[in-house]
Amino acid sequence: NWNTDTGASRSMTPNCDWFKIYSPHIIPIRLANDMIIYSEGIGSVVIEPEIEGEKTDPVEIPDVLHVPAL
């Protein structure tokens, strides 16, 4: 499942297997509790959104960070 957070500054996932395109990319990420964690990669993820239980066309989300510690 993909959860939308409109307050987040970047799209992130701990799931490496979701990436269609992937490159190593290490940057620090400050969480709401001021804890710092690190990304391991960046790439695009394809999701299949559902609206009121009906699947829609796939959507590719670019520049998603891979953050295993999430």
PDB file of N, CA and C in Angstrom:
ATOM      1  N   ASN A   1       0.832  -1.194   0.000  1.00  0.00           N
ATOM      2  CA  ASN A   1       0.000   0.000   0.000  1.00  0.00           C
ATOM      3  C   ASN A   1       0.870   1.247   0.000  1.00  0.00           C
ATOM      4  N   TRP A   2       0.412   2.267  -0.688  1.00  0.00           N
ATOM      5  CA  TRP A   2       1.109   3.549  -0.744  1.00  0.00           C
ATOM      6  C   TRP A   2       0.250   4.560  -0.006  1.00  0.00           C
ATOM      7  N   ASN A   3       0.817   5.185   1.034  1.00  0.00           N
ATOM      8  CA  ASN A   3       0.093   6.198   1.798  1.00  0.00           C
ATOM      9  C   ASN A   3       0.520   7.580   1.332  1.00  0.00           C
ATOM     10  N   THR A   4      -0.446   8.430   1.082  1.00  0.00           N
ATOM     11  CA  THR A   4      -0.169   9.791   0.641  1.00  0.00           C
ATOM     12  C   THR A   4      -0.055  10.705   1.854  1.00  0.00           C
ATOM     13  N   ASP A   5       1.028  11.487   1.898  1.00  0.00           N
ATOM     14  CA  ASP A   5       1.229  12.461   2.968  1.00  0.00           C
ATOM     15  C   ASP A   5       1.503  13.806   2.309  1.00  0.00           C
ATOM     16  N   THR A   6       0.487  14.634   2.204  1.00  0.00           N
ATOM     17  CA  THR A   6       0.642  15.913   1.517  1.00  0.00           C
ATOM     18  C   THR A   6       1.523  16.888   2.294  1.00  0.00           C
ATOM     19  N   GLY A   7       1.832  16.582   3.550  1.00  0.00           N
ATOM     20  CA  GLY A   7       2.707  17.438   4.337  1.00  0.00           C
ATOM     21  C   GLY A   7       4.174  17.063   4.220  1.00  0.00           C
ATOM     22  N   ALA A   8       4.473  15.953   3.566  1.00  0.00           N
ATOM     23  CA  ALA A   8       5.860  15.516   3.420  1.00  0.00           C
ATOM     24  C   ALA A   8       6.551  16.311   2.314  1.00  0.00           C
ATOM     25  N   SER A   9       7.827  16.596   2.514  1.00  0.00           N
ATOM     26  CA  SER A   9       8.573  17.340   1.497  1.00  0.00           C
ATOM     27  C   SER A   9       9.090  16.430   0.384  1.00  0.00           C
ATOM     28  N   ARG A  10       9.161  15.127   0.627  1.00  0.00           N
ATOM     29  CA  ARG A  10       9.626  14.156  -0.370  1.00  0.00           C
ATOM     30  C   ARG A  10       8.803  12.882  -0.252  1.00  0.00           C
ATOM     31  N   SER A  11       8.712  12.150  -1.372  1.00  0.00           N
ATOM     32  CA  SER A  11       8.097  10.817  -1.348  1.00  0.00           C
ATOM     33  C   SER A  11       9.169   9.820  -0.931  1.00  0.00           C
ATOM     34  N   MET A  12       8.831   8.915  -0.010  1.00  0.00           N
ATOM     35  CA  MET A  12       9.789   7.951   0.526  1.00  0.00           C
ATOM     36  C   MET A  12       9.117   6.608   0.750  1.00  0.00           C
ATOM     37  N   THR A  13       9.911   5.536   0.661  1.00  0.00           N
ATOM     38  CA  THR A  13       9.429   4.196   0.967  1.00  0.00           C
ATOM     39  C   THR A  13      10.582   3.355   1.510  1.00  0.00           C
ATOM     40  N   PRO A  14      10.288   2.414   2.412  1.00  0.00           N
ATOM     41  CA  PRO A  14      11.321   1.479   2.856  1.00  0.00           C
ATOM     42  C   PRO A  14      11.449   0.276   1.919  1.00  0.00           C
ATOM     43  N   ASN A  15      10.556   0.165   0.933  1.00  0.00           N
ATOM     44  CA  ASN A  15      10.472  -1.031   0.084  1.00  0.00           C
ATOM     45  C   ASN A  15      11.312  -0.897  -1.180  1.00  0.00           C
ATOM     46  N   CYS A  16      12.482  -1.488  -1.192  1.00  0.00           N
ATOM     47  CA  CYS A  16      13.387  -1.412  -2.339  1.00  0.00           C
ATOM     48  C   CYS A  16      12.798  -2.093  -3.571  1.00  0.00           C
ATOM     49  N   ASP A  17      12.011  -3.131  -3.371  1.00  0.00           N
ATOM     50  CA  ASP A  17      11.467  -3.888  -4.505  1.00  0.00           C
ATOM     51  C   ASP A  17      10.356  -3.140  -5.247  1.00  0.00           C
ATOM     52  N   TRP A  18       9.919  -2.003  -4.774  1.00  0.00           N
ATOM     53  CA  TRP A  18       8.885  -1.219  -5.451  1.00  0.00           C
ATOM     54  C   TRP A  18       9.451  -0.358  -6.583  1.00  0.00           C
ATOM     55  N   PHE A  19      10.775  -0.210  -6.658  1.00  0.00           N
ATOM     56  CA  PHE A  19      11.374   0.723  -7.605  1.00  0.00           C
ATOM     57  C   PHE A  19      11.448   0.152  -9.013  1.00  0.00           C
ATOM     58  N   LYS A  20      11.033   0.983  -9.969  1.00  0.00           N
ATOM     59  CA  LYS A  20      11.156   0.653 -11.396  1.00  0.00           C
ATOM     60  C   LYS A  20      12.555   1.042 -11.877  1.00  0.00           C
ATOM     61  N   ILE A  21      13.005   2.208 -11.442  1.00  0.00           N
ATOM     62  CA  ILE A  21      14.350   2.721 -11.726  1.00  0.00           C
ATOM     63  C   ILE A  21      14.967   3.059 -10.374  1.00  0.00           C
ATOM     64  N   TYR A  22      16.269   2.748 -10.188  1.00  0.00           N
ATOM     65  CA  TYR A  22      16.891   2.930  -8.874  1.00  0.00           C
ATOM     66  C   TYR A  22      18.362   3.282  -9.041  1.00  0.00           C
ATOM     67  N   SER A  23      18.817   4.259  -8.261  1.00  0.00           N
ATOM     68  CA  SER A  23      20.227   4.636  -8.205  1.00  0.00           C
ATOM     69  C   SER A  23      20.603   4.866  -6.750  1.00  0.00           C
ATOM     70  N   PRO A  24      21.828   4.531  -6.343  1.00  0.00           N
ATOM     71  CA  PRO A  24      22.277   4.846  -4.991  1.00  0.00           C
ATOM     72  C   PRO A  24      22.221   6.360  -4.750  1.00  0.00           C
ATOM     73  N   HIS A  25      21.793   6.743  -3.565  1.00  0.00           N
ATOM     74  CA  HIS A  25      21.657   8.172  -3.242  1.00  0.00           C
ATOM     75  C   HIS A  25      21.526   8.282  -1.725  1.00  0.00           C
ATOM     76  N   ILE A  26      22.578   8.716  -1.069  1.00  0.00           N
ATOM     77  CA  ILE A  26      22.570   8.795   0.398  1.00  0.00           C
ATOM     78  C   ILE A  26      22.463  10.256   0.823  1.00  0.00           C
ATOM     79  N   ILE A  27      21.369  10.566   1.540  1.00  0.00           N
ATOM     80  CA  ILE A  27      21.189  11.905   2.102  1.00  0.00           C
ATOM     81  C   ILE A  27      20.556  11.765   3.487  1.00  0.00           C
ATOM     82  N   PRO A  28      20.818  12.730   4.384  1.00  0.00           N
ATOM     83  CA  PRO A  28      20.164  12.700   5.691  1.00  0.00           C
ATOM     84  C   PRO A  28      18.723  13.185   5.583  1.00  0.00           C
ATOM     85  N   ILE A  29      17.864  12.593   6.413  1.00  0.00           N
ATOM     86  CA  ILE A  29      16.446  12.967   6.458  1.00  0.00           C
ATOM     87  C   ILE A  29      16.084  13.227   7.912  1.00  0.00           C
ATOM     88  N   ARG A  30      15.584  14.435   8.183  1.00  0.00           N
ATOM     89  CA  ARG A  30      15.172  14.781   9.547  1.00  0.00           C
ATOM     90  C   ARG A  30      13.687  14.477   9.704  1.00  0.00           C
ATOM     91  N   LEU A  31      13.365  13.637  10.682  1.00  0.00           N
ATOM     92  CA  LEU A  31      11.980  13.273  10.957  1.00  0.00           C
ATOM     93  C   LEU A  31      11.321  14.310  11.862  1.00  0.00           C
ATOM     94  N   ALA A  32      10.025  14.199  12.042  1.00  0.00           N
ATOM     95  CA  ALA A  32       9.269  15.151  12.864  1.00  0.00           C
ATOM     96  C   ALA A  32       9.772  15.204  14.303  1.00  0.00           C
ATOM     97  N   ASN A  33      10.345  14.086  14.800  1.00  0.00           N
ATOM     98  CA  ASN A  33      10.859  14.047  16.175  1.00  0.00           C
ATOM     99  C   ASN A  33      12.330  14.467  16.248  1.00  0.00           C
ATOM    100  N   ASP A  34      12.855  15.062  15.176  1.00  0.00           N
ATOM    101  CA  ASP A  34      14.240  15.528  15.034  1.00  0.00           C
ATOM    102  C   ASP A  34      15.262  14.409  14.894  1.00  0.00           C
ATOM    103  N   MET A  35      14.830  13.164  14.809  1.00  0.00           N
ATOM    104  CA  MET A  35      15.741  12.050  14.559  1.00  0.00           C
ATOM    105  C   MET A  35      16.230  12.135  13.107  1.00  0.00           C
ATOM    106  N   ILE A  36      17.497  11.789  12.874  1.00  0.00           N
ATOM    107  CA  ILE A  36      18.064  11.776  11.528  1.00  0.00           C
ATOM    108  C   ILE A  36      18.215  10.330  11.071  1.00  0.00           C
ATOM    109  N   ILE A  37      17.664  10.034   9.881  1.00  0.00           N
ATOM    110  CA  ILE A  37      17.865   8.738   9.238  1.00  0.00           C
ATOM    111  C   ILE A  37      18.401   9.027   7.836  1.00  0.00           C
ATOM    112  N   TYR A  38      18.825   7.987   7.121  1.00  0.00           N
ATOM    113  CA  TYR A  38      19.456   8.196   5.821  1.00  0.00           C
ATOM    114  C   TYR A  38      18.776   7.406   4.717  1.00  0.00           C
ATOM    115  N   SER A  39      18.718   8.029   3.549  1.00  0.00           N
ATOM    116  CA  SER A  39      18.243   7.310   2.367  1.00  0.00           C
ATOM    117  C   SER A  39      19.385   6.433   1.864  1.00  0.00           C
ATOM    118  N   GLU A  40      19.031   5.408   1.094  1.00  0.00           N
ATOM    119  CA  GLU A  40      20.042   4.570   0.442  1.00  0.00           C
ATOM    120  C   GLU A  40      19.983   4.700  -1.069  1.00  0.00           C
ATOM    121  N   GLY A  41      18.848   5.192  -1.594  1.00  0.00           N
ATOM    122  CA  GLY A  41      18.710   5.293  -3.038  1.00  0.00           C
ATOM    123  C   GLY A  41      17.578   6.220  -3.426  1.00  0.00           C
ATOM    124  N   ILE A  42      17.448   6.414  -4.737  1.00  0.00           N
ATOM    125  CA  ILE A  42      16.387   7.254  -5.292  1.00  0.00           C
ATOM    126  C   ILE A  42      15.972   6.666  -6.635  1.00  0.00           C
ATOM    127  N   GLY A  43      14.714   6.843  -6.976  1.00  0.00           N
ATOM    128  CA  GLY A  43      14.239   6.343  -8.264  1.00  0.00           C
ATOM    129  C   GLY A  43      12.758   6.582  -8.429  1.00  0.00           C
ATOM    130  N   SER A  44      12.175   5.858  -9.376  1.00  0.00           N
ATOM    131  CA  SER A  44      10.740   6.012  -9.620  1.00  0.00           C
ATOM    132  C   SER A  44       9.999   4.753  -9.199  1.00  0.00           C
ATOM    133  N   VAL A  45       8.783   4.965  -8.708  1.00  0.00           N
ATOM    134  CA  VAL A  45       7.903   3.893  -8.246  1.00  0.00           C
ATOM    135  C   VAL A  45       6.600   4.005  -9.031  1.00  0.00           C
ATOM    136  N   VAL A  46       6.094   2.877  -9.508  1.00  0.00           N
ATOM    137  CA  VAL A  46       4.813   2.854 -10.211  1.00  0.00           C
ATOM    138  C   VAL A  46       3.759   2.308  -9.254  1.00  0.00           C
ATOM    139  N   ILE A  47       2.673   3.056  -9.086  1.00  0.00           N
ATOM    140  CA  ILE A  47       1.574   2.612  -8.222  1.00  0.00           C
ATOM    141  C   ILE A  47       0.300   2.493  -9.051  1.00  0.00           C
ATOM    142  N   GLU A  48      -0.629   1.702  -8.558  1.00  0.00           N
ATOM    143  CA  GLU A  48      -1.946   1.561  -9.183  1.00  0.00           C
ATOM    144  C   GLU A  48      -2.987   2.067  -8.196  1.00  0.00           C
ATOM    145  N   PRO A  49      -3.321   3.357  -8.270  1.00  0.00           N
ATOM    146  CA  PRO A  49      -4.262   3.944  -7.314  1.00  0.00           C
ATOM    147  C   PRO A  49      -5.657   3.327  -7.414  1.00  0.00           C
ATOM    148  N   GLU A  50      -6.353   3.358  -6.293  1.00  0.00           N
ATOM    149  CA  GLU A  50      -7.763   2.961  -6.254  1.00  0.00           C
ATOM    150  C   GLU A  50      -8.576   4.148  -5.767  1.00  0.00           C
ATOM    151  N   ILE A  51      -9.678   4.415  -6.454  1.00  0.00           N
ATOM    152  CA  ILE A  51     -10.605   5.467  -6.047  1.00  0.00           C
ATOM    153  C   ILE A  51     -11.951   4.809  -5.812  1.00  0.00           C
ATOM    154  N   GLU A  52     -12.389   4.868  -4.564  1.00  0.00           N
ATOM    155  CA  GLU A  52     -13.645   4.229  -4.153  1.00  0.00           C
ATOM    156  C   GLU A  52     -13.672   2.758  -4.560  1.00  0.00           C
ATOM    157  N   GLY A  53     -12.522   2.084  -4.359  1.00  0.00           N
ATOM    158  CA  GLY A  53     -12.433   0.652  -4.625  1.00  0.00           C
ATOM    159  C   GLY A  53     -12.179   0.272  -6.069  1.00  0.00           C
ATOM    160  N   GLU A  54     -12.135   1.244  -6.970  1.00  0.00           N
ATOM    161  CA  GLU A  54     -11.901   0.977  -8.397  1.00  0.00           C
ATOM    162  C   GLU A  54     -10.460   1.337  -8.763  1.00  0.00           C
ATOM    163  N   LYS A  55      -9.740   0.385  -9.386  1.00  0.00           N
ATOM    164  CA  LYS A  55      -8.376   0.671  -9.818  1.00  0.00           C
ATOM    165  C   LYS A  55      -8.384   1.671 -10.969  1.00  0.00           C
ATOM    166  N   THR A  56      -7.385   2.552 -10.956  1.00  0.00           N
ATOM    167  CA  THR A  56      -7.215   3.531 -12.024  1.00  0.00           C
ATOM    168  C   THR A  56      -5.943   3.192 -12.799  1.00  0.00           C
ATOM    169  N   ASP A  57      -5.619   3.998 -13.789  1.00  0.00           N
ATOM    170  CA  ASP A  57      -4.405   3.775 -14.569  1.00  0.00           C
ATOM    171  C   ASP A  57      -3.174   3.907 -13.672  1.00  0.00           C
ATOM    172  N   PRO A  58      -2.115   3.132 -13.967  1.00  0.00           N
ATOM    173  CA  PRO A  58      -0.877   3.242 -13.187  1.00  0.00           C
ATOM    174  C   PRO A  58      -0.302   4.659 -13.250  1.00  0.00           C
ATOM    175  N   VAL A  59       0.337   5.055 -12.155  1.00  0.00           N
ATOM    176  CA  VAL A  59       0.966   6.370 -12.047  1.00  0.00           C
ATOM    177  C   VAL A  59       2.417   6.157 -11.639  1.00  0.00           C
ATOM    178  N   GLU A  60       3.337   6.807 -12.348  1.00  0.00           N
ATOM    179  CA  GLU A  60       4.756   6.727 -11.991  1.00  0.00           C
ATOM    180  C   GLU A  60       5.123   7.939 -11.145  1.00  0.00           C
ATOM    181  N   ILE A  61       5.667   7.688  -9.961  1.00  0.00           N
ATOM    182  CA  ILE A  61       6.085   8.754  -9.052  1.00  0.00           C
ATOM    183  C   ILE A  61       7.608   8.863  -9.150  1.00  0.00           C
ATOM    184  N   PRO A  62       8.122  10.000  -9.637  1.00  0.00           N
ATOM    185  CA  PRO A  62       9.574  10.159  -9.776  1.00  0.00           C
ATOM    186  C   PRO A  62      10.221  10.617  -8.477  1.00  0.00           C
ATOM    187  N   ASP A  63      11.527  10.449  -8.398  1.00  0.00           N
ATOM    188  CA  ASP A  63      12.349  10.987  -7.301  1.00  0.00           C
ATOM    189  C   ASP A  63      11.912  10.496  -5.925  1.00  0.00           C
ATOM    190  N   VAL A  64      11.515   9.238  -5.829  1.00  0.00           N
ATOM    191  CA  VAL A  64      11.150   8.639  -4.543  1.00  0.00           C
ATOM    192  C   VAL A  64      12.433   8.194  -3.846  1.00  0.00           C
ATOM    193  N   LEU A  65      12.554   8.525  -2.568  1.00  0.00           N
ATOM    194  CA  LEU A  65      13.718   8.099  -1.795  1.00  0.00           C
ATOM    195  C   LEU A  65      13.484   6.714  -1.198  1.00  0.00           C
ATOM    196  N   HIS A  66      14.509   5.864  -1.265  1.00  0.00           N
ATOM    197  CA  HIS A  66      14.483   4.568  -0.579  1.00  0.00           C
ATOM    198  C   HIS A  66      15.090   4.788   0.800  1.00  0.00           C
ATOM    199  N   VAL A  67      14.261   4.633   1.836  1.00  0.00           N
ATOM    200  CA  VAL A  67      14.683   4.886   3.216  1.00  0.00           C
ATOM    201  C   VAL A  67      14.323   3.656   4.043  1.00  0.00           C
ATOM    202  N   PRO A  68      15.244   2.688   4.166  1.00  0.00           N
ATOM    203  CA  PRO A  68      14.939   1.437   4.863  1.00  0.00           C
ATOM    204  C   PRO A  68      14.500   1.619   6.312  1.00  0.00           C
ATOM    205  N   ALA A  69      14.935   2.692   6.983  1.00  0.00           N
ATOM    206  CA  ALA A  69      14.624   2.884   8.404  1.00  0.00           C
ATOM    207  C   ALA A  69      13.198   3.358   8.658  1.00  0.00           C
ATOM    208  N   LEU A  70      12.435   3.641   7.621  1.00  0.00           N
ATOM    209  CA  LEU A  70      11.051   4.087   7.830  1.00  0.00           C
ATOM    210  C   LEU A  70      10.195   2.974   8.376  1.00  0.00           C
TER     211      LEU A  70
END
